Amino acid sequence: MKLILGSYYLDVPGGAVTYFSTVADHLQRLGHDVTAFTRNPGPIADALGDRGIAVAGPGELPDGCDAVLVHDAICTYELAERYPSAPQVFVCHGDQNTLDVPPQVPGVVSAVVVLNDRMRARVEAGGLDVEVVRLRQPIDFHRFRPAGEPRQPPCRAVLLGNYLDGTRRDLIVRALEQAGIEWEQIGHRATVSPDPAPALAEADVVVGYGRSILEGMSAGCAAYVFEFADDGWVTRDSYPALEANGFAGSAFERAADLDQLVRDLEAYDPAMGRTNRELVGEHHSAFDHATQLGALLGRLAPRRTPADTRSEIARLVRLQWETQMRSGRFEAELLQMTRRAMAAEQQAQEAAVELDTLRRERRYRLAQALLYPVDRLRGRR
């Protein structure tokens, strides 16, 4: 199918945008012709382009399409006007803003996808009579992966999200520091990175809200739900309730103070990270999610004659280019690691030469001679 995916902005990382990027990538891998529409391109749009996905502004959209997938009301109306006969699926991520929920105008949206039970209840309580489909958040299991085994005690935590600030941020930071855990914040007005995967790969703990929790879980981190509210550690027992709530921090009734947070952090277990990665692999496959989305879009889209084979050839060429780009990045990383290893070996050799030189000096031999009786006496004892 020829699909248009709409996101008003692709310049600031966030849960909805990283979802958009993941889905675009995997729908293309399923064989669909994907175009990403945005009015605010940026690092995320650049990354999509690097993976062979066409990114278009208002004046660059193709003449027609089979279906539209959006996650904000701005793109809903704009793309509905541009493609009035194409069915449109709205992915509802939240309800903090009016733009986050599907327009309540009949006939604009064909179906709504929700990613947790909390948002399903919100959409079904609205005035729009439309099919609601419950799917799980898709996570790129291969992109978010651990760099090594979980450590005991934990050494590093990542605060991942765009909303943690003020007294809530100060509280968790104090708890981490009292527990002896180094931390780094990614998002909000701190470090803004289009790709948090490298930082998560080196971390033992992720602290966050929503989709950021699942990305940390996939990277093998112990995951602590904390931002607007506090639900604590993700475990195999707590996962069903936390997932149904969208890892929003409101699944359980608890209000943690500093002492409680420190006790929670001290209860860290490296097995949490291994369990979390298993949970993501079991329930949050990006390929499964894209397959379900593709089936939904295909069911809603009108049947048409097969597309020109040239579009399929173009798609395969884009995938080949993406593979080559990834291969090049891996080669660059390997070269960098090789250079670091060679530098470390050179430093070891220089240190050995310095040690040998020191041992040849007269002062060293004199000190050894003076200490010989003491060493001999210790040996007898």
Protein backbone atom coordinates (compact mmCIF):
# COMPACT_ATOMS: atom_id res chain seq x y z
CA MET A 1 0.00 0.00 0.00
CA LYS A 2 0.96 3.60 -0.50
CA LEU A 3 0.85 5.10 3.00
CA ILE A 4 1.13 8.66 4.30
CA LEU A 5 2.23 8.96 7.96
CA GLY A 6 1.60 12.38 9.45
CA SER A 7 3.35 14.06 12.38
CA TYR A 8 3.14 17.83 12.85
CA TYR A 9 6.70 17.93 14.19
CA LEU A 10 9.76 15.72 13.74
CA ASP A 11 12.31 18.07 15.28
CA VAL A 12 12.02 17.29 19.01
CA PRO A 13 12.41 13.72 20.35
CA GLY A 14 9.55 12.34 22.42
CA GLY A 15 7.39 9.28 22.90
CA ALA A 16 4.97 9.97 20.03
CA VAL A 17 7.77 10.89 17.63
CA THR A 18 9.88 7.83 18.40
CA TYR A 19 6.75 5.70 17.94
CA PHE A 20 6.21 7.39 14.57
CA SER A 21 9.79 6.68 13.51
CA THR A 22 9.63 3.03 14.60
CA VAL A 23 6.34 2.39 12.81
CA ALA A 24 7.47 4.13 9.60
CA ASP A 25 10.60 1.99 9.49
CA HIS A 26 8.81 -1.32 10.05
CA LEU A 27 5.89 -0.59 7.73
CA GLN A 28 8.43 0.04 5.00
CA ARG A 29 10.13 -3.27 5.83
CA LEU A 30 6.78 -4.99 5.36
CA GLY A 31 6.74 -3.78 1.76
CA HIS A 32 4.61 -0.64 1.99
CA ASP A 33 5.48 2.60 0.19
CA VAL A 34 5.81 5.02 3.13
CA THR A 35 5.96 8.82 3.02
CA ALA A 36 6.39 10.76 6.28
CA PHE A 37 4.59 14.12 6.27
CA THR A 38 5.61 16.92 8.66
CA ARG A 39 5.58 20.70 8.93
CA ASN A 40 8.55 20.81 11.30
CA PRO A 41 11.42 18.59 10.09
CA GLY A 42 14.53 18.10 12.18
CA PRO A 43 16.79 15.35 13.56
CA ILE A 44 14.05 12.71 13.54
CA ALA A 45 13.14 13.54 9.94
CA ASP A 46 16.83 13.36 9.01
CA ALA A 47 17.11 9.93 10.62
CA LEU A 48 14.06 8.73 8.65
CA GLY A 49 15.65 9.98 5.46
CA ASP A 50 18.85 8.11 6.29
CA ARG A 51 16.78 4.93 6.51
CA GLY A 52 15.36 5.49 3.04
CA ILE A 53 11.95 6.87 4.05
CA ALA A 54 10.69 9.82 2.02
CA VAL A 55 9.98 12.91 4.16
CA ALA A 56 7.63 15.48 2.61
CA GLY A 57 6.35 18.92 3.49
CA PRO A 58 2.95 20.34 2.47
CA GLY A 59 3.99 21.03 -1.11
CA GLU A 60 5.82 17.73 -1.62
CA LEU A 61 3.12 15.14 -0.92
CA PRO A 62 2.31 12.55 -3.59
CA ASP A 63 -0.90 12.92 -5.58
CA GLY A 64 -2.63 9.92 -4.04
CA CYS A 65 -2.39 7.27 -1.33
CA ASP A 66 -4.22 4.20 -0.06
CA ALA A 67 -4.37 5.10 3.65
CA VAL A 68 -3.22 7.69 6.18
CA LEU A 69 -1.80 7.19 9.69
CA VAL A 70 -1.58 10.23 12.01
CA HIS A 71 -1.16 11.02 15.71
CA ASP A 72 -2.17 14.67 16.01
CA ALA A 73 -5.30 16.60 15.10
CA ILE A 74 -3.43 19.11 12.93
CA CYS A 75 -2.28 16.43 10.49
CA THR A 76 -5.68 14.74 10.72
CA TYR A 77 -7.51 17.69 9.20
CA GLU A 78 -4.78 18.66 6.75
CA LEU A 79 -4.34 15.16 5.34
CA ALA A 80 -8.10 14.50 5.31
CA GLU A 81 -8.48 17.54 3.06
CA ARG A 82 -5.56 16.44 0.90
CA TYR A 83 -6.75 12.81 0.58
CA PRO A 84 -10.54 12.87 1.12
CA SER A 85 -11.12 9.30 -0.10
CA ALA A 86 -8.25 7.66 1.86
CA PRO A 87 -9.16 6.00 5.17
CA GLN A 88 -7.40 7.53 8.15
CA VAL A 89 -6.20 5.83 11.33
CA PHE A 90 -5.45 8.01 14.36
CA VAL A 91 -2.92 6.77 16.95
CA CYS A 92 -3.83 8.25 20.34
CA HIS A 93 -0.83 8.61 22.65
CA GLY A 94 -2.20 10.87 25.36
CA ASP A 95 -4.83 13.38 26.38
CA GLN A 96 -2.76 16.22 27.85
CA ASN A 97 -3.59 18.44 24.86
CA THR A 98 -6.60 18.69 22.57
CA LEU A 99 -4.33 17.90 19.61
CA ASP A 100 -3.44 14.52 21.15
CA VAL A 101 -6.96 13.08 20.83
CA PRO A 102 -8.82 12.31 17.60
CA PRO A 103 -11.16 14.98 16.23
CA GLN A 104 -14.74 14.39 17.28
CA VAL A 105 -16.04 15.18 13.77
CA PRO A 106 -17.74 12.13 12.22
CA GLY A 107 -16.25 10.79 9.00
CA VAL A 108 -12.74 12.23 9.40
CA VAL A 109 -11.16 9.28 11.23
CA SER A 110 -11.86 5.67 10.23
CA ALA A 111 -10.34 4.01 13.30
CA VAL A 112 -8.38 4.90 16.43
CA VAL A 113 -5.41 2.92 17.72
CA VAL A 114 -4.72 3.13 21.47
CA LEU A 115 -1.60 1.81 23.17
CA ASN A 116 -2.94 1.17 26.68
CA ASP A 117 -6.22 0.58 28.49
CA ARG A 118 -6.20 4.05 30.05
CA MET A 119 -6.32 5.71 26.62
CA ARG A 120 -8.88 3.19 25.35
CA ALA A 121 -11.24 4.25 28.16
CA ARG A 122 -10.59 7.91 27.31
CA VAL A 123 -11.35 7.47 23.59
CA GLU A 124 -14.40 5.26 24.14
CA ALA A 125 -15.81 7.84 26.56
CA GLY A 126 -15.64 10.50 23.84
CA GLY A 127 -18.33 11.46 21.40
CA LEU A 128 -16.78 9.81 18.35
CA ASP A 129 -18.46 6.61 17.15
CA VAL A 130 -15.46 4.84 15.63
CA GLU A 131 -13.63 1.52 15.83
CA VAL A 132 -11.03 1.48 18.63
CA VAL A 133 -8.11 -0.96 18.28
CA ARG A 134 -5.88 -1.75 21.27
CA LEU A 135 -2.23 -2.47 20.40
CA ARG A 136 0.95 -2.44 22.49
CA GLN A 137 3.79 0.02 22.19
CA PRO A 138 6.30 -1.19 19.56
CA ILE A 139 9.97 -1.14 20.54
CA ASP A 140 12.92 -1.75 18.22
CA PHE A 141 14.42 -4.68 20.14
CA HIS A 142 17.67 -4.61 18.14
CA ARG A 143 18.22 -0.86 18.38
CA PHE A 144 17.64 -0.74 22.15
CA ARG A 145 19.94 -3.47 23.48
CA PRO A 146 22.33 -3.70 26.44
CA ALA A 147 26.07 -3.24 26.05
CA GLY A 148 26.84 -5.79 28.79
CA GLU A 149 25.47 -7.59 31.81
CA PRO A 150 23.60 -5.67 34.55
CA ARG A 151 25.86 -4.55 37.40
CA GLN A 152 25.51 -5.06 41.13
CA PRO A 153 25.44 -2.56 42.72
CA PRO A 154 24.02 -0.28 40.01
CA CYS A 155 26.50 2.31 38.76
CA ARG A 156 24.54 4.48 36.32
CA ALA A 157 20.96 5.71 35.81
CA VAL A 158 19.35 7.58 32.93
CA LEU A 159 16.45 9.98 33.56
CA LEU A 160 14.66 9.76 30.22
CA GLY A 161 11.74 12.03 29.34
CA ASN A 162 10.65 15.55 28.45
CA TYR A 163 8.63 16.41 31.56
CA LEU A 164 10.73 15.64 34.64
CA ASP A 165 11.75 18.93 36.27
CA GLY A 166 11.36 21.07 39.37
CA THR A 167 10.86 19.46 42.76
CA ARG A 168 10.08 16.03 41.25
CA ARG A 169 13.44 16.00 39.47
CA ASP A 170 15.25 17.21 42.60
CA LEU A 171 13.65 14.43 44.64
CA ILE A 172 14.74 11.53 42.43
CA VAL A 173 18.20 13.05 41.91
CA ARG A 174 18.72 13.27 45.68
CA ALA A 175 17.58 9.66 46.06
CA LEU A 176 19.98 8.47 43.34
CA GLU A 177 22.88 10.34 44.87
CA GLN A 178 22.14 8.99 48.36
CA ALA A 179 22.05 5.49 46.85
CA GLY A 180 25.46 6.12 45.24
CA ILE A 181 24.20 5.93 41.64
CA GLU A 182 25.56 8.27 38.98
CA TRP A 183 22.86 9.77 36.74
CA GLU A 184 22.33 11.52 33.41
CA GLN A 185 19.18 13.30 32.24
CA ILE A 186 18.09 13.10 28.61
CA GLY A 187 15.15 15.22 27.52
CA HIS A 188 13.38 18.38 28.71
CA ARG A 189 15.92 21.21 28.98
CA ALA A 190 18.76 18.80 29.69
CA THR A 191 20.60 16.78 27.05
CA VAL A 192 18.35 16.47 23.99
CA SER A 193 19.39 13.48 21.92
CA PRO A 194 17.56 12.05 18.90
CA ASP A 195 18.90 8.63 19.91
CA PRO A 196 18.99 7.69 23.62
CA ALA A 197 19.93 4.08 22.80
CA PRO A 198 23.71 4.45 23.44
CA ALA A 199 23.14 6.00 26.88
CA LEU A 200 20.59 3.33 27.83
CA ALA A 201 22.92 0.56 26.67
CA GLU A 202 25.50 1.64 29.27
CA ALA A 203 22.98 2.25 32.07
CA ASP A 204 21.77 -0.05 34.84
CA VAL A 205 18.58 1.89 35.66
CA VAL A 206 16.12 3.94 33.62
CA VAL A 207 13.80 6.39 35.37
CA GLY A 208 10.93 7.67 33.28
CA TYR A 209 7.35 7.65 32.13
CA GLY A 210 5.48 6.06 29.24
CA ARG A 211 7.41 4.82 26.23
CA SER A 212 10.80 5.73 27.74
CA ILE A 213 10.32 2.94 30.30
CA LEU A 214 9.96 0.34 27.55
CA GLU A 215 13.01 1.62 25.67
CA GLY A 216 15.05 1.26 28.86
CA MET A 217 13.60 -2.19 29.51
CA SER A 218 14.61 -3.29 26.01
CA ALA A 219 18.14 -2.02 26.73
CA GLY A 220 18.31 -4.35 29.74
CA CYS A 221 17.81 -1.67 32.40
CA ALA A 222 15.93 -2.01 35.65
CA ALA A 223 12.99 0.36 35.09
CA TYR A 224 11.56 2.77 37.67
CA VAL A 225 8.30 4.53 36.78
CA PHE A 226 8.61 8.08 38.08
CA GLU A 227 7.69 11.44 36.58
CA PHE A 228 4.28 13.05 37.26
CA ALA A 229 3.58 10.23 39.69
CA ASP A 230 5.40 7.22 41.12
CA ASP A 231 4.70 3.51 40.51
CA GLY A 232 8.16 2.17 41.37
CA TRP A 233 10.00 -0.77 39.83
CA VAL A 234 8.72 -2.73 36.85
CA THR A 235 8.67 -6.44 37.71
CA ARG A 236 7.11 -9.43 36.00
CA ASP A 237 4.28 -9.23 38.57
CA SER A 238 3.66 -5.48 38.23
CA TYR A 239 4.12 -5.33 34.44
CA PRO A 240 0.48 -6.16 33.46
CA ALA A 241 -0.97 -3.32 35.55
CA LEU A 242 1.78 -0.88 34.56
CA GLU A 243 1.45 -1.68 30.84
CA ALA A 244 -2.34 -1.32 30.95
CA ASN A 245 -1.83 2.10 32.56
CA GLY A 246 0.73 3.11 29.92
CA PHE A 247 3.52 3.36 32.53
CA ALA A 248 1.96 6.67 33.54
CA GLY A 249 2.70 6.31 37.25
CA SER A 250 -0.94 6.08 38.28
CA ALA A 251 -1.47 2.31 38.26
CA PHE A 252 -0.99 2.06 42.03
CA GLU A 253 -1.84 4.37 44.89
CA ARG A 254 1.48 5.39 46.40
CA ALA A 255 3.32 8.61 47.09
CA ALA A 256 7.02 8.10 47.60
CA ASP A 257 9.10 10.47 49.72
CA LEU A 258 12.90 10.63 49.73
CA ASP A 259 13.34 7.79 52.22
CA GLN A 260 11.00 5.54 50.24
CA LEU A 261 12.81 6.29 46.98
CA VAL A 262 16.18 5.46 48.55
CA ARG A 263 14.82 2.18 49.93
CA ASP A 264 13.42 1.32 46.51
CA LEU A 265 16.72 2.03 44.80
CA GLU A 266 18.59 -0.04 47.35
CA ALA A 267 16.25 -2.94 46.50
CA TYR A 268 17.62 -2.97 42.94
CA ASP A 269 18.31 -6.43 41.55
CA PRO A 270 20.34 -6.99 38.34
CA ALA A 271 17.85 -9.71 37.39
CA MET A 272 15.31 -6.91 36.81
CA GLY A 273 17.12 -5.84 33.65
CA ARG A 274 17.19 -9.34 32.18
CA THR A 275 13.49 -9.84 32.98
CA ASN A 276 12.58 -6.49 31.44
CA ARG A 277 14.29 -7.30 28.16
CA GLU A 278 12.41 -10.61 28.06
CA LEU A 279 9.10 -8.78 28.65
CA VAL A 280 9.75 -6.39 25.77
CA GLY A 281 10.68 -9.27 23.50
CA GLU A 282 7.52 -11.14 24.46
CA HIS A 283 5.00 -8.29 24.21
CA HIS A 284 6.38 -5.28 22.31
CA SER A 285 7.70 -6.51 18.96
CA ALA A 286 7.83 -3.67 16.43
CA PHE A 287 7.35 -6.20 13.62
CA ASP A 288 4.18 -7.59 15.25
CA HIS A 289 2.83 -4.08 15.79
CA ALA A 290 3.53 -3.06 12.18
CA THR A 291 1.89 -6.29 10.98
CA GLN A 292 -1.27 -5.50 12.95
CA LEU A 293 -1.25 -1.90 11.72
CA GLY A 294 -0.76 -3.03 8.13
CA ALA A 295 -3.69 -5.44 8.45
CA LEU A 296 -5.91 -2.67 9.86
CA LEU A 297 -4.94 -0.18 7.14
CA GLY A 298 -5.37 -2.82 4.46
CA ARG A 299 -8.84 -3.73 5.74
CA LEU A 300 -9.92 -0.09 5.65
CA ALA A 301 -8.28 0.82 2.34
CA PRO A 302 -10.18 0.18 -0.91
CA ARG A 303 -8.89 -2.60 -3.14
CA ARG A 304 -6.93 -1.49 -6.15
CA THR A 305 -4.88 -2.92 -8.99
CA PRO A 306 -1.30 -3.95 -8.20
CA ALA A 307 1.18 -1.10 -8.08
CA ASP A 308 3.85 -0.58 -10.70
CA THR A 309 6.80 -2.86 -9.88
CA ARG A 310 9.12 0.13 -10.04
CA SER A 311 7.86 1.25 -6.61
CA GLU A 312 8.89 -2.12 -5.12
CA ILE A 313 12.33 -1.87 -6.73
CA ALA A 314 12.70 1.62 -5.25
CA ARG A 315 11.75 0.29 -1.80
CA LEU A 316 14.33 -2.51 -2.03
CA VAL A 317 17.00 -0.03 -3.07
CA ARG A 318 16.15 2.14 -0.04
CA LEU A 319 16.47 -0.86 2.27
CA GLN A 320 19.77 -1.79 0.67
CA TRP A 321 21.02 1.75 1.24
CA GLU A 322 19.95 1.60 4.89
CA THR A 323 21.81 -1.70 5.31
CA GLN A 324 24.93 -0.17 3.82
CA MET A 325 24.64 2.85 6.10
CA ARG A 326 24.35 0.59 9.17
CA SER A 327 27.29 -1.49 7.98
CA GLY A 328 29.35 1.66 7.60
CA ARG A 329 28.49 2.78 11.14
CA PHE A 330 29.42 -0.64 12.53
CA GLU A 331 32.75 -0.54 10.67
CA ALA A 332 33.45 2.93 12.07
CA GLU A 333 32.67 1.74 15.61
CA LEU A 334 34.91 -1.32 15.14
CA LEU A 335 37.73 0.87 13.85
CA GLN A 336 37.36 3.18 16.84
CA MET A 337 37.43 0.25 19.27
CA THR A 338 40.51 -1.16 17.50
CA ARG A 339 42.30 2.16 17.79
CA ARG A 340 41.47 2.38 21.50
CA ALA A 341 42.77 -1.15 22.03
CA MET A 342 46.00 -0.34 20.16
CA ALA A 343 46.43 2.84 22.22
CA ALA A 344 45.90 0.90 25.45
CA GLU A 345 48.46 -1.70 24.33
CA GLN A 346 50.93 1.06 23.50
CA GLN A 347 50.42 2.61 26.94
CA ALA A 348 50.98 -0.77 28.57
CA GLN A 349 54.22 -1.23 26.66
CA GLU A 350 55.42 2.25 27.62
CA ALA A 351 54.56 1.57 31.25
CA ALA A 352 56.53 -1.70 31.12
CA VAL A 353 59.56 0.13 29.71
CA GLU A 354 59.30 2.77 32.43
CA LEU A 355 59.07 0.08 35.10
CA ASP A 356 62.12 -1.73 33.69
CA THR A 357 64.05 1.56 33.60
CA LEU A 358 63.08 2.28 37.20
CA ARG A 359 64.29 -1.13 38.31
CA ARG A 360 67.69 -0.48 36.72
CA GLU A 361 68.22 2.75 38.63
CA ARG A 362 70.72 2.80 41.51
CA ARG A 363 68.15 4.18 43.97
CA TYR A 364 65.75 1.31 43.27
CA ARG A 365 68.48 -1.32 43.79
CA LEU A 366 69.58 0.40 47.00
CA ALA A 367 65.98 0.45 48.30
CA GLN A 368 65.62 -3.23 47.48
CA ALA A 369 68.82 -4.03 49.33
CA LEU A 370 67.69 -2.08 52.39
CA LEU A 371 64.28 -3.80 52.41
CA TYR A 372 65.68 -7.31 51.90
CA PRO A 373 66.16 -8.07 55.65
CA VAL A 374 62.59 -6.88 56.37
CA ASP A 375 61.14 -9.01 53.60
CA ARG A 376 63.12 -12.03 54.84
CA LEU A 377 61.87 -11.50 58.40
CA ARG A 378 58.26 -11.31 57.15
CA GLY A 379 58.76 -14.54 55.26
CA ARG A 380 59.92 -16.34 58.39
CA ARG A 381 56.96 -15.09 60.36
